[in-house]
Amino acid sequence: MRLPPLQIQVESQYVADQSAPEKQQFLFQYTVTMENRHDQTLTLTHRHWKITDGNGSLNEVSGEGVVGQTPTLAPGERFSYSSAVTLATPVGSMAGFYTLLSEDGQVLQSPIDRFPLNNPRSLH
């Protein structure tokens, strides 16, 4: 079994001062760090997220690149970025995949494992 082309780590945190629980708006920031573990240079062309809130509502988001960029990573190179998402509940999760283009023209996908979005003050 071949390893995914990227090693991906995600850290998330609840942003209390930008949330409005009384309006069912809970903001979560997440930082993604990816490392190219493929033997070729890769360009991240697209992202696809499945965002699930605590009620089980699913929102799928796709688009070009990440935070307005389409980073190119040589083998072993790392790239990090931060973004945010607002949920209607104090807990949820995200998962998805990145689409990549290798220097020889292959289109590859690298999965992003599900990670939690939790307000530490909420019970679940």
C-alpha atoms as a PDB file:
ATOM      1  CA  MET A   1       0.000   0.000   0.000  1.00  0.00           C
ATOM      2  CA  ARG A   2       1.409   3.364  -1.049  1.00  0.00           C
ATOM      3  CA  LEU A   3       1.469   6.242   1.444  1.00  0.00           C
ATOM      4  CA  PRO A   4      -0.598   9.357   0.661  1.00  0.00           C
ATOM      5  CA  PRO A   5       1.483  12.011  -1.134  1.00  0.00           C
ATOM      6  CA  LEU A   6       1.166  14.427   1.803  1.00  0.00           C
ATOM      7  CA  GLN A   7       1.579  13.943   5.519  1.00  0.00           C
ATOM      8  CA  ILE A   8      -1.067  16.220   7.035  1.00  0.00           C
ATOM      9  CA  GLN A   9      -1.438  17.419  10.622  1.00  0.00           C
ATOM     10  CA  VAL A  10      -4.246  19.686  11.817  1.00  0.00           C
ATOM     11  CA  GLU A  11      -4.654  21.597  15.060  1.00  0.00           C
ATOM     12  CA  SER A  12      -7.950  23.320  15.859  1.00  0.00           C
ATOM     13  CA  GLN A  13      -9.150  25.670  18.563  1.00  0.00           C
ATOM     14  CA  TYR A  14     -12.352  27.434  19.556  1.00  0.00           C
ATOM     15  CA  VAL A  15     -12.228  31.236  19.214  1.00  0.00           C
ATOM     16  CA  ALA A  16     -14.476  32.499  22.016  1.00  0.00           C
ATOM     17  CA  ASP A  17     -14.006  36.229  21.382  1.00  0.00           C
ATOM     18  CA  GLN A  18     -15.225  35.877  17.776  1.00  0.00           C
ATOM     19  CA  SER A  19     -18.138  33.550  18.545  1.00  0.00           C
ATOM     20  CA  ALA A  20     -21.741  34.405  19.405  1.00  0.00           C
ATOM     21  CA  PRO A  21     -23.283  31.379  21.167  1.00  0.00           C
ATOM     22  CA  GLU A  22     -26.583  33.243  21.624  1.00  0.00           C
ATOM     23  CA  LYS A  23     -26.812  33.364  17.782  1.00  0.00           C
ATOM     24  CA  GLN A  24     -25.585  29.763  17.339  1.00  0.00           C
ATOM     25  CA  GLN A  25     -22.289  30.988  15.863  1.00  0.00           C
ATOM     26  CA  PHE A  26     -19.212  29.133  17.071  1.00  0.00           C
ATOM     27  CA  LEU A  27     -15.940  30.047  15.353  1.00  0.00           C
ATOM     28  CA  PHE A  28     -13.097  27.544  15.123  1.00  0.00           C
ATOM     29  CA  GLN A  29      -9.635  28.259  13.797  1.00  0.00           C
ATOM     30  CA  TYR A  30      -7.543  25.443  12.366  1.00  0.00           C
ATOM     31  CA  THR A  31      -3.933  25.255  11.250  1.00  0.00           C
ATOM     32  CA  VAL A  32      -2.872  22.696   8.673  1.00  0.00           C
ATOM     33  CA  THR A  33       0.735  21.599   8.233  1.00  0.00           C
ATOM     34  CA  MET A  34       1.488  19.419   5.232  1.00  0.00           C
ATOM     35  CA  GLU A  35       4.692  17.744   4.149  1.00  0.00           C
ATOM     36  CA  ASN A  36       5.364  16.378   0.688  1.00  0.00           C
ATOM     37  CA  ARG A  37       6.415  12.752   1.083  1.00  0.00           C
ATOM     38  CA  HIS A  38       6.099  11.969  -2.624  1.00  0.00           C
ATOM     39  CA  ASP A  39       9.207  11.578  -4.787  1.00  0.00           C
ATOM     40  CA  GLN A  40       8.130  14.468  -7.055  1.00  0.00           C
ATOM     41  CA  THR A  41       7.354  18.149  -6.589  1.00  0.00           C
ATOM     42  CA  LEU A  42       3.620  18.618  -6.003  1.00  0.00           C
ATOM     43  CA  THR A  43       1.309  21.603  -6.457  1.00  0.00           C
ATOM     44  CA  LEU A  44      -1.834  21.746  -4.345  1.00  0.00           C
ATOM     45  CA  THR A  45      -4.583  22.713  -6.806  1.00  0.00           C
ATOM     46  CA  HIS A  46      -7.873  22.121  -4.931  1.00  0.00           C
ATOM     47  CA  ARG A  47      -9.362  21.407  -1.525  1.00  0.00           C
ATOM     48  CA  HIS A  48     -12.534  19.578  -0.528  1.00  0.00           C
ATOM     49  CA  TRP A  49     -13.920  19.714   3.018  1.00  0.00           C
ATOM     50  CA  LYS A  50     -16.780  17.869   4.702  1.00  0.00           C
ATOM     51  CA  ILE A  51     -17.786  19.984   7.705  1.00  0.00           C
ATOM     52  CA  THR A  52     -20.202  18.389  10.174  1.00  0.00           C
ATOM     53  CA  ASP A  53     -21.763  20.190  13.129  1.00  0.00           C
ATOM     54  CA  GLY A  54     -22.998  18.661  16.388  1.00  0.00           C
ATOM     55  CA  ASN A  55     -26.489  18.176  14.919  1.00  0.00           C
ATOM     56  CA  GLY A  56     -25.090  16.057  12.080  1.00  0.00           C
ATOM     57  CA  SER A  57     -25.631  18.765   9.444  1.00  0.00           C
ATOM     58  CA  LEU A  58     -23.094  18.349   6.654  1.00  0.00           C
ATOM     59  CA  ASN A  59     -21.643  21.213   4.624  1.00  0.00           C
ATOM     60  CA  GLU A  60     -19.280  20.389   1.765  1.00  0.00           C
ATOM     61  CA  VAL A  61     -16.869  23.056   0.543  1.00  0.00           C
ATOM     62  CA  SER A  62     -14.627  22.783  -2.523  1.00  0.00           C
ATOM     63  CA  GLY A  63     -12.397  25.300  -4.196  1.00  0.00           C
ATOM     64  CA  GLU A  64      -9.064  26.148  -5.721  1.00  0.00           C
ATOM     65  CA  GLY A  65      -6.007  26.021  -3.501  1.00  0.00           C
ATOM     66  CA  VAL A  66      -5.970  27.014   0.159  1.00  0.00           C
ATOM     67  CA  VAL A  67      -6.307  30.560   1.561  1.00  0.00           C
ATOM     68  CA  GLY A  68      -5.860  31.999  -1.932  1.00  0.00           C
ATOM     69  CA  GLN A  69      -2.674  30.043  -2.640  1.00  0.00           C
ATOM     70  CA  THR A  70      -1.695  26.986  -4.671  1.00  0.00           C
ATOM     71  CA  PRO A  71       1.532  26.014  -2.903  1.00  0.00           C
ATOM     72  CA  THR A  72       4.195  23.978  -4.683  1.00  0.00           C
ATOM     73  CA  LEU A  73       6.205  21.640  -2.459  1.00  0.00           C
ATOM     74  CA  ALA A  74       9.433  19.875  -3.337  1.00  0.00           C
ATOM     75  CA  PRO A  75       9.915  16.418  -1.803  1.00  0.00           C
ATOM     76  CA  GLY A  76      10.281  16.814   1.978  1.00  0.00           C
ATOM     77  CA  GLU A  77       9.130  20.453   1.936  1.00  0.00           C
ATOM     78  CA  ARG A  78       6.460  21.684   4.378  1.00  0.00           C
ATOM     79  CA  PHE A  79       3.697  24.275   4.108  1.00  0.00           C
ATOM     80  CA  SER A  80       1.379  25.573   6.844  1.00  0.00           C
ATOM     81  CA  TYR A  81      -1.690  27.779   6.745  1.00  0.00           C
ATOM     82  CA  SER A  82      -4.496  28.817   9.062  1.00  0.00           C
ATOM     83  CA  SER A  83      -8.174  29.260   8.298  1.00  0.00           C
ATOM     84  CA  ALA A  84     -11.462  29.238  10.179  1.00  0.00           C
ATOM     85  CA  VAL A  85     -14.980  27.855  10.045  1.00  0.00           C
ATOM     86  CA  THR A  86     -18.191  28.825  11.835  1.00  0.00           C
ATOM     87  CA  LEU A  87     -20.590  26.151  13.103  1.00  0.00           C
ATOM     88  CA  ALA A  88     -24.107  26.415  14.510  1.00  0.00           C
ATOM     89  CA  THR A  89     -23.125  24.119  17.404  1.00  0.00           C
ATOM     90  CA  PRO A  90     -20.230  24.133  19.918  1.00  0.00           C
ATOM     91  CA  VAL A  91     -18.911  20.811  18.594  1.00  0.00           C
ATOM     92  CA  GLY A  92     -18.309  19.350  15.151  1.00  0.00           C
ATOM     93  CA  SER A  93     -15.649  17.926  12.886  1.00  0.00           C
ATOM     94  CA  MET A  94     -13.968  18.320   9.536  1.00  0.00           C
ATOM     95  CA  ALA A  95     -12.414  15.905   7.045  1.00  0.00           C
ATOM     96  CA  GLY A  96     -11.603  16.034   3.372  1.00  0.00           C
ATOM     97  CA  PHE A  97      -8.846  15.819   0.788  1.00  0.00           C
ATOM     98  CA  TYR A  98      -6.435  17.893  -1.250  1.00  0.00           C
ATOM     99  CA  THR A  99      -5.999  17.445  -4.993  1.00  0.00           C
ATOM    100  CA  LEU A 100      -2.415  17.720  -6.177  1.00  0.00           C
ATOM    101  CA  LEU A 101      -0.638  17.883  -9.506  1.00  0.00           C
ATOM    102  CA  SER A 102       2.769  16.188  -9.747  1.00  0.00           C
ATOM    103  CA  GLU A 103       5.571  17.519 -11.909  1.00  0.00           C
ATOM    104  CA  ASP A 104       4.990  14.692 -14.433  1.00  0.00           C
ATOM    105  CA  GLY A 105       1.278  15.581 -14.762  1.00  0.00           C
ATOM    106  CA  GLN A 106      -0.320  13.016 -12.439  1.00  0.00           C
ATOM    107  CA  VAL A 107      -3.415  14.137 -10.519  1.00  0.00           C
ATOM    108  CA  LEU A 108      -3.225  12.817  -6.948  1.00  0.00           C
ATOM    109  CA  GLN A 109      -5.424  13.052  -3.879  1.00  0.00           C
ATOM    110  CA  SER A 110      -4.266  13.179  -0.283  1.00  0.00           C
ATOM    111  CA  PRO A 111      -6.875  12.517   2.433  1.00  0.00           C
ATOM    112  CA  ILE A 112      -7.305  14.787   5.446  1.00  0.00           C
ATOM    113  CA  ASP A 113      -8.331  12.669   8.426  1.00  0.00           C
ATOM    114  CA  ARG A 114     -11.339  13.772  10.444  1.00  0.00           C
ATOM    115  CA  PHE A 115     -10.431  16.183  13.225  1.00  0.00           C
ATOM    116  CA  PRO A 116     -12.615  17.582  16.018  1.00  0.00           C
ATOM    117  CA  LEU A 117     -13.915  21.107  16.432  1.00  0.00           C
ATOM    118  CA  ASN A 118     -14.789  21.516  20.108  1.00  0.00           C
ATOM    119  CA  ASN A 119     -15.604  24.355  22.457  1.00  0.00           C
ATOM    120  CA  PRO A 120     -13.792  23.140  25.587  1.00  0.00           C
ATOM    121  CA  ARG A 121     -16.574  24.614  27.757  1.00  0.00           C
ATOM    122  CA  SER A 122     -19.296  22.489  26.143  1.00  0.00           C
ATOM    123  CA  LEU A 123     -20.242  19.041  27.325  1.00  0.00           C
ATOM    124  CA  HIS A 124     -20.432  16.259  24.775  1.00  0.00           C
END
